[in-house]
Amino acid sequence: MIHYTCDGCGRSIDSTNEMRHVVRVEVYAALDPCDEELEDDRDHLQEIQDLLERLDDEDDAALGDEVYHQQRFDLCSECRRRYVKNPLGRVTTEHLGFSQN
C-alpha cells in the first residue's frame, strides 16, 4: 500500500478511508510581445526553440527555474479547504464595521 502524507499539516492520509487531494502549481514567465513585435513576420517557433536550446546549454539550473517551475502537493480534506479559500496564503485581517462619524 502506498503511504500518503498531507503536505499542508503533515498528517498521514489513509486513501482507502478518506479523500486525498492533489494540487499542482505551475509558474512560468509571461513574455508579452511589444507593439513592434505584433507587426513583425518572425518565426516565433524557431525563436522558442533557440531559447530552449540556450537554457539547455546553461550551467545554472536556477535560470531555468526562473522561467518555469512546477510543484505537486498532496492535501487532506481540511488543508484542501483552507488552500481553496486562500491559495496565495495571504494574511487576512478581519474587516471591522466602524461607523463613519
C-alpha atoms as a PDB file:
ATOM      1  CA  MET A   1       0.000   0.000   0.000  1.00  0.00           C
ATOM      2  CA  ILE A   2       1.253   3.476  -0.885  1.00  0.00           C
ATOM      3  CA  HIS A   3       1.618   5.845   2.065  1.00  0.00           C
ATOM      4  CA  TYR A   4       0.492   9.473   1.607  1.00  0.00           C
ATOM      5  CA  THR A   5       1.247  12.387   3.906  1.00  0.00           C
ATOM      6  CA  CYS A   6      -0.510  15.768   3.759  1.00  0.00           C
ATOM      7  CA  ASP A   7       1.976  18.400   2.600  1.00  0.00           C
ATOM      8  CA  GLY A   8      -0.044  21.031   4.466  1.00  0.00           C
ATOM      9  CA  CYS A   9      -0.271  19.645   8.009  1.00  0.00           C
ATOM     10  CA  GLY A  10       1.942  16.562   7.872  1.00  0.00           C
ATOM     11  CA  ARG A  11      -0.856  14.188   8.861  1.00  0.00           C
ATOM     12  CA  SER A  12      -0.932  10.711   7.327  1.00  0.00           C
ATOM     13  CA  ILE A  13      -3.709  10.284   4.725  1.00  0.00           C
ATOM     14  CA  ASP A  14      -5.409   6.891   4.547  1.00  0.00           C
ATOM     15  CA  SER A  15      -6.558   6.963   0.927  1.00  0.00           C
ATOM     16  CA  THR A  16      -8.803   3.914   1.426  1.00  0.00           C
ATOM     17  CA  ASN A  17     -10.970   5.720   4.006  1.00  0.00           C
ATOM     18  CA  GLU A  18     -10.656   9.411   3.182  1.00  0.00           C
ATOM     19  CA  MET A  19     -10.275  11.710   0.208  1.00  0.00           C
ATOM     20  CA  ARG A  20      -6.783  12.742  -0.859  1.00  0.00           C
ATOM     21  CA  HIS A  21      -6.447  15.907  -2.941  1.00  0.00           C
ATOM     22  CA  VAL A  22      -3.636  16.744  -5.360  1.00  0.00           C
ATOM     23  CA  VAL A  23      -2.616  20.355  -6.010  1.00  0.00           C
ATOM     24  CA  ARG A  24      -0.369  21.129  -8.965  1.00  0.00           C
ATOM     25  CA  VAL A  25       1.258  24.542  -9.135  1.00  0.00           C
ATOM     26  CA  GLU A  26       2.824  25.783 -12.347  1.00  0.00           C
ATOM     27  CA  VAL A  27       4.702  29.072 -12.529  1.00  0.00           C
ATOM     28  CA  TYR A  28       6.139  30.344 -15.799  1.00  0.00           C
ATOM     29  CA  ALA A  29       7.452  33.583 -17.225  1.00  0.00           C
ATOM     30  CA  ALA A  30       4.830  35.547 -19.138  1.00  0.00           C
ATOM     31  CA  LEU A  31       6.527  37.014 -22.173  1.00  0.00           C
ATOM     32  CA  ASP A  32       4.281  39.711 -23.538  1.00  0.00           C
ATOM     33  CA  PRO A  33       5.127  40.923 -27.048  1.00  0.00           C
ATOM     34  CA  CYS A  34       5.794  44.608 -27.521  1.00  0.00           C
ATOM     35  CA  ASP A  35       3.766  46.514 -30.146  1.00  0.00           C
ATOM     36  CA  GLU A  36       6.572  46.325 -32.736  1.00  0.00           C
ATOM     37  CA  GLU A  37       6.685  42.533 -32.453  1.00  0.00           C
ATOM     38  CA  LEU A  38       2.961  42.256 -33.199  1.00  0.00           C
ATOM     39  CA  GLU A  39       3.512  43.600 -36.722  1.00  0.00           C
ATOM     40  CA  ASP A  40       6.671  41.543 -37.331  1.00  0.00           C
ATOM     41  CA  ASP A  41       6.738  38.420 -39.515  1.00  0.00           C
ATOM     42  CA  ARG A  42       9.190  36.458 -37.386  1.00  0.00           C
ATOM     43  CA  ASP A  43       9.415  32.708 -36.925  1.00  0.00           C
ATOM     44  CA  HIS A  44       8.238  32.524 -33.310  1.00  0.00           C
ATOM     45  CA  LEU A  45       8.550  28.740 -33.124  1.00  0.00           C
ATOM     46  CA  GLN A  46      12.194  28.982 -34.118  1.00  0.00           C
ATOM     47  CA  GLU A  47      12.805  31.667 -31.504  1.00  0.00           C
ATOM     48  CA  ILE A  48      11.249  29.464 -28.816  1.00  0.00           C
ATOM     49  CA  GLN A  49      13.405  26.537 -29.956  1.00  0.00           C
ATOM     50  CA  ASP A  50      16.518  28.730 -29.791  1.00  0.00           C
ATOM     51  CA  LEU A  51      15.590  29.899 -26.300  1.00  0.00           C
ATOM     52  CA  LEU A  52      15.066  26.327 -25.103  1.00  0.00           C
ATOM     53  CA  GLU A  53      18.414  25.272 -26.546  1.00  0.00           C
ATOM     54  CA  ARG A  54      20.157  28.152 -24.781  1.00  0.00           C
ATOM     55  CA  LEU A  55      18.504  27.125 -21.498  1.00  0.00           C
ATOM     56  CA  ASP A  56      19.723  23.553 -22.003  1.00  0.00           C
ATOM     57  CA  ASP A  57      23.259  24.853 -22.501  1.00  0.00           C
ATOM     58  CA  GLU A  58      23.240  26.934 -19.313  1.00  0.00           C
ATOM     59  CA  ASP A  59      25.176  25.516 -16.366  1.00  0.00           C
ATOM     60  CA  ASP A  60      22.996  27.292 -13.814  1.00  0.00           C
ATOM     61  CA  ALA A  61      19.770  25.349 -13.234  1.00  0.00           C
ATOM     62  CA  ALA A  62      18.337  28.320 -11.342  1.00  0.00           C
ATOM     63  CA  LEU A  63      17.967  30.217 -14.621  1.00  0.00           C
ATOM     64  CA  GLY A  64      15.577  27.561 -15.911  1.00  0.00           C
ATOM     65  CA  ASP A  65      13.691  27.697 -12.610  1.00  0.00           C
ATOM     66  CA  GLU A  66      13.122  31.425 -13.192  1.00  0.00           C
ATOM     67  CA  VAL A  67      11.420  30.648 -16.499  1.00  0.00           C
ATOM     68  CA  TYR A  68       9.405  27.571 -15.498  1.00  0.00           C
ATOM     69  CA  HIS A  69       8.685  25.859 -12.166  1.00  0.00           C
ATOM     70  CA  GLN A  70       6.232  23.102 -11.297  1.00  0.00           C
ATOM     71  CA  GLN A  71       5.291  21.555  -7.935  1.00  0.00           C
ATOM     72  CA  ARG A  72       2.838  18.906  -6.735  1.00  0.00           C
ATOM     73  CA  PHE A  73       1.278  18.600  -3.279  1.00  0.00           C
ATOM     74  CA  ASP A  74      -0.948  16.026  -1.560  1.00  0.00           C
ATOM     75  CA  LEU A  75      -3.523  17.561   0.790  1.00  0.00           C
ATOM     76  CA  CYS A  76      -6.023  16.174   3.280  1.00  0.00           C
ATOM     77  CA  SER A  77      -9.605  17.462   3.069  1.00  0.00           C
ATOM     78  CA  GLU A  78      -9.104  20.118   5.762  1.00  0.00           C
ATOM     79  CA  CYS A  79      -5.931  21.525   4.188  1.00  0.00           C
ATOM     80  CA  ARG A  80      -7.627  21.443   0.767  1.00  0.00           C
ATOM     81  CA  ARG A  81     -10.481  23.552   2.154  1.00  0.00           C
ATOM     82  CA  ARG A  82      -8.006  26.091   3.583  1.00  0.00           C
ATOM     83  CA  TYR A  83      -5.988  26.133   0.336  1.00  0.00           C
ATOM     84  CA  VAL A  84      -9.047  26.764  -1.856  1.00  0.00           C
ATOM     85  CA  LYS A  85     -10.129  29.634   0.427  1.00  0.00           C
ATOM     86  CA  ASN A  86      -6.708  31.293   0.294  1.00  0.00           C
ATOM     87  CA  PRO A  87      -4.451  29.799  -2.422  1.00  0.00           C
ATOM     88  CA  LEU A  88      -1.781  32.511  -2.134  1.00  0.00           C
ATOM     89  CA  GLY A  89      -1.582  32.207   1.653  1.00  0.00           C
ATOM     90  CA  ARG A  90      -2.218  35.880   2.216  1.00  0.00           C
ATOM     91  CA  VAL A  91      -2.568  37.070   5.775  1.00  0.00           C
ATOM     92  CA  THR A  92      -6.094  38.380   6.073  1.00  0.00           C
ATOM     93  CA  THR A  93      -7.377  40.799   8.660  1.00  0.00           C
ATOM     94  CA  GLU A  94     -11.000  40.904   9.581  1.00  0.00           C
ATOM     95  CA  HIS A  95     -12.830  43.982   8.396  1.00  0.00           C
ATOM     96  CA  LEU A  96     -14.449  45.747  11.336  1.00  0.00           C
ATOM     97  CA  GLY A  97     -17.605  47.703  10.618  1.00  0.00           C
ATOM     98  CA  PHE A  98     -16.887  51.096  12.203  1.00  0.00           C
ATOM     99  CA  SER A  99     -19.310  53.944  11.641  1.00  0.00           C
ATOM    100  CA  GLN A 100     -18.289  56.972   9.519  1.00  0.00           C
ATOM    101  CA  ASN A 101     -18.594  59.610  12.300  1.00  0.00           C
END
